[in-house]
Amino acid sequence: MVQPITIKVYGSEEKCSGCVQLPSSIETKEWLEAALQRKYPDKPLDVVYVDMHQPNGKEEEETARDMIENDRIYPLVFINGDVVAEGNPRLKKVYEYIEKLPS
């Protein structure tokens, strides 16, 4: 059985100060999910939005704490636990990462 690709988009309803011209974190999650489903219709994708101010579970709490303490730009995009993008994600970089994953 093929394992789903887990994509987590961490962010906040409020945009970061350097991101006022960019889409919100939730909009980024929705855009990224739609683009990936079009590009990879046969891959099992699990795209999740995580509010950094209301994380669920220890892993999400640690990531959210790191984002806040280190003033990271969000949205922060993880694929299978690895940071793939910070701020405005580039589809090419996301696609390249997914292409390298085992089938």
C-alpha atoms as a PDB file:
ATOM      1  CA  MET A   1       0.000   0.000   0.000  1.00  0.00           C
ATOM      2  CA  VAL A   2       1.262   3.461  -0.906  1.00  0.00           C
ATOM      3  CA  GLN A   3       1.869   5.747   2.060  1.00  0.00           C
ATOM      4  CA  PRO A   4       0.160   9.140   1.860  1.00  0.00           C
ATOM      5  CA  ILE A   5       2.329  12.218   1.468  1.00  0.00           C
ATOM      6  CA  THR A   6       1.705  14.387   4.518  1.00  0.00           C
ATOM      7  CA  ILE A   7       1.887  18.107   3.863  1.00  0.00           C
ATOM      8  CA  LYS A   8       1.460  20.483   6.794  1.00  0.00           C
ATOM      9  CA  VAL A   9       1.093  24.203   6.281  1.00  0.00           C
ATOM     10  CA  TYR A  10       1.777  26.047   9.529  1.00  0.00           C
ATOM     11  CA  GLY A  11       0.620  29.622   9.857  1.00  0.00           C
ATOM     12  CA  SER A  12      -1.745  32.058  11.469  1.00  0.00           C
ATOM     13  CA  GLU A  13      -4.916  33.885  10.585  1.00  0.00           C
ATOM     14  CA  GLU A  14      -2.861  37.056  10.943  1.00  0.00           C
ATOM     15  CA  LYS A  15      -0.267  37.595   8.237  1.00  0.00           C
ATOM     16  CA  CYS A  16       3.342  38.068   9.255  1.00  0.00           C
ATOM     17  CA  SER A  17       4.601  41.652   9.009  1.00  0.00           C
ATOM     18  CA  GLY A  18       6.676  40.914   5.900  1.00  0.00           C
ATOM     19  CA  CYS A  19       3.847  39.054   4.167  1.00  0.00           C
ATOM     20  CA  VAL A  20       1.071  41.640   3.902  1.00  0.00           C
ATOM     21  CA  GLN A  21       0.978  41.430   0.084  1.00  0.00           C
ATOM     22  CA  LEU A  22       0.905  37.612   0.049  1.00  0.00           C
ATOM     23  CA  PRO A  23      -2.049  35.222   0.482  1.00  0.00           C
ATOM     24  CA  SER A  24      -2.932  34.116   4.012  1.00  0.00           C
ATOM     25  CA  SER A  25      -1.621  30.820   5.361  1.00  0.00           C
ATOM     26  CA  ILE A  26      -5.050  29.208   4.910  1.00  0.00           C
ATOM     27  CA  GLU A  27      -5.268  30.480   1.319  1.00  0.00           C
ATOM     28  CA  THR A  28      -1.771  29.126   0.707  1.00  0.00           C
ATOM     29  CA  LYS A  29      -2.820  25.699   2.034  1.00  0.00           C
ATOM     30  CA  GLU A  30      -5.874  25.656  -0.250  1.00  0.00           C
ATOM     31  CA  TRP A  31      -3.865  26.815  -3.291  1.00  0.00           C
ATOM     32  CA  LEU A  32      -1.089  24.296  -2.627  1.00  0.00           C
ATOM     33  CA  GLU A  33      -3.574  21.451  -2.128  1.00  0.00           C
ATOM     34  CA  ALA A  34      -5.370  22.234  -5.411  1.00  0.00           C
ATOM     35  CA  ALA A  35      -2.091  22.518  -7.360  1.00  0.00           C
ATOM     36  CA  LEU A  36      -0.738  19.248  -5.957  1.00  0.00           C
ATOM     37  CA  GLN A  37      -3.976  17.352  -6.610  1.00  0.00           C
ATOM     38  CA  ARG A  38      -3.889  18.530 -10.249  1.00  0.00           C
ATOM     39  CA  LYS A  39      -0.196  17.603 -10.665  1.00  0.00           C
ATOM     40  CA  TYR A  40      -0.400  14.285  -8.775  1.00  0.00           C
ATOM     41  CA  PRO A  41      -3.953  12.956  -9.135  1.00  0.00           C
ATOM     42  CA  ASP A  42      -2.833   9.383  -8.377  1.00  0.00           C
ATOM     43  CA  LYS A  43      -0.736  10.156  -5.277  1.00  0.00           C
ATOM     44  CA  PRO A  44      -2.381   9.999  -1.858  1.00  0.00           C
ATOM     45  CA  LEU A  45      -1.970  13.512  -0.453  1.00  0.00           C
ATOM     46  CA  ASP A  46      -2.880  14.618   3.055  1.00  0.00           C
ATOM     47  CA  VAL A  47      -2.711  18.428   3.155  1.00  0.00           C
ATOM     48  CA  VAL A  48      -3.350  19.938   6.583  1.00  0.00           C
ATOM     49  CA  TYR A  49      -3.413  23.507   7.904  1.00  0.00           C
ATOM     50  CA  VAL A  50      -2.010  23.990  11.413  1.00  0.00           C
ATOM     51  CA  ASP A  51      -2.701  27.227  13.272  1.00  0.00           C
ATOM     52  CA  MET A  52       0.561  27.965  15.072  1.00  0.00           C
ATOM     53  CA  HIS A  53      -1.412  29.536  17.928  1.00  0.00           C
ATOM     54  CA  GLN A  54      -3.595  26.424  18.381  1.00  0.00           C
ATOM     55  CA  PRO A  55      -1.365  23.409  17.643  1.00  0.00           C
ATOM     56  CA  ASN A  56      -2.544  19.839  18.187  1.00  0.00           C
ATOM     57  CA  GLY A  57      -0.158  17.392  19.821  1.00  0.00           C
ATOM     58  CA  LYS A  58       3.476  17.539  20.867  1.00  0.00           C
ATOM     59  CA  GLU A  59       5.039  17.699  17.379  1.00  0.00           C
ATOM     60  CA  GLU A  60       2.835  20.594  16.278  1.00  0.00           C
ATOM     61  CA  GLU A  61       3.379  22.388  19.611  1.00  0.00           C
ATOM     62  CA  GLU A  62       7.173  22.122  19.224  1.00  0.00           C
ATOM     63  CA  THR A  63       7.057  23.385  15.649  1.00  0.00           C
ATOM     64  CA  ALA A  64       4.761  26.270  16.582  1.00  0.00           C
ATOM     65  CA  ARG A  65       7.011  27.213  19.512  1.00  0.00           C
ATOM     66  CA  ASP A  66      10.047  27.171  17.190  1.00  0.00           C
ATOM     67  CA  MET A  67       8.220  29.400  14.696  1.00  0.00           C
ATOM     68  CA  ILE A  68       7.313  31.944  17.369  1.00  0.00           C
ATOM     69  CA  GLU A  69      10.627  31.913  19.277  1.00  0.00           C
ATOM     70  CA  ASN A  70      12.757  32.119  16.124  1.00  0.00           C
ATOM     71  CA  ASP A  71      10.480  34.588  14.339  1.00  0.00           C
ATOM     72  CA  ARG A  72      10.157  32.319  11.304  1.00  0.00           C
ATOM     73  CA  ILE A  73       8.329  33.528   8.239  1.00  0.00           C
ATOM     74  CA  TYR A  74       5.055  31.760   7.651  1.00  0.00           C
ATOM     75  CA  PRO A  75       3.405  29.886   6.172  1.00  0.00           C
ATOM     76  CA  LEU A  76       5.935  27.177   6.870  1.00  0.00           C
ATOM     77  CA  VAL A  77       5.410  24.123   4.643  1.00  0.00           C
ATOM     78  CA  PHE A  78       6.484  20.634   5.728  1.00  0.00           C
ATOM     79  CA  ILE A  79       6.348  17.484   3.617  1.00  0.00           C
ATOM     80  CA  ASN A  80       6.654  14.261   5.591  1.00  0.00           C
ATOM     81  CA  GLY A  81       8.254  16.225   8.426  1.00  0.00           C
ATOM     82  CA  ASP A  82      10.839  18.156   6.366  1.00  0.00           C
ATOM     83  CA  VAL A  83      10.691  21.929   5.849  1.00  0.00           C
ATOM     84  CA  VAL A  84      10.211  22.557   2.133  1.00  0.00           C
ATOM     85  CA  ALA A  85       9.204  26.221   2.094  1.00  0.00           C
ATOM     86  CA  GLU A  86       9.117  29.241   4.364  1.00  0.00           C
ATOM     87  CA  GLY A  87       7.015  32.237   3.425  1.00  0.00           C
ATOM     88  CA  ASN A  88       5.643  32.186  -0.117  1.00  0.00           C
ATOM     89  CA  PRO A  89       6.157  28.560  -1.303  1.00  0.00           C
ATOM     90  CA  ARG A  90       7.454  27.948  -4.820  1.00  0.00           C
ATOM     91  CA  LEU A  91       5.624  25.112  -6.569  1.00  0.00           C
ATOM     92  CA  LYS A  92       8.760  24.058  -8.449  1.00  0.00           C
ATOM     93  CA  LYS A  93      10.598  23.413  -5.172  1.00  0.00           C
ATOM     94  CA  VAL A  94       7.609  21.517  -3.733  1.00  0.00           C
ATOM     95  CA  TYR A  95       7.293  19.417  -6.917  1.00  0.00           C
ATOM     96  CA  GLU A  96      11.031  18.642  -6.868  1.00  0.00           C
ATOM     97  CA  TYR A  97      10.777  17.410  -3.297  1.00  0.00           C
ATOM     98  CA  ILE A  98       7.776  15.204  -4.056  1.00  0.00           C
ATOM     99  CA  GLU A  99       9.495  13.772  -7.151  1.00  0.00           C
ATOM    100  CA  LYS A 100      12.391  12.596  -4.957  1.00  0.00           C
ATOM    101  CA  LEU A 101      10.100  10.677  -2.605  1.00  0.00           C
ATOM    102  CA  PRO A 102       9.998   6.896  -3.000  1.00  0.00           C
ATOM    103  CA  SER A 103       6.995   5.717  -4.991  1.00  0.00           C
END
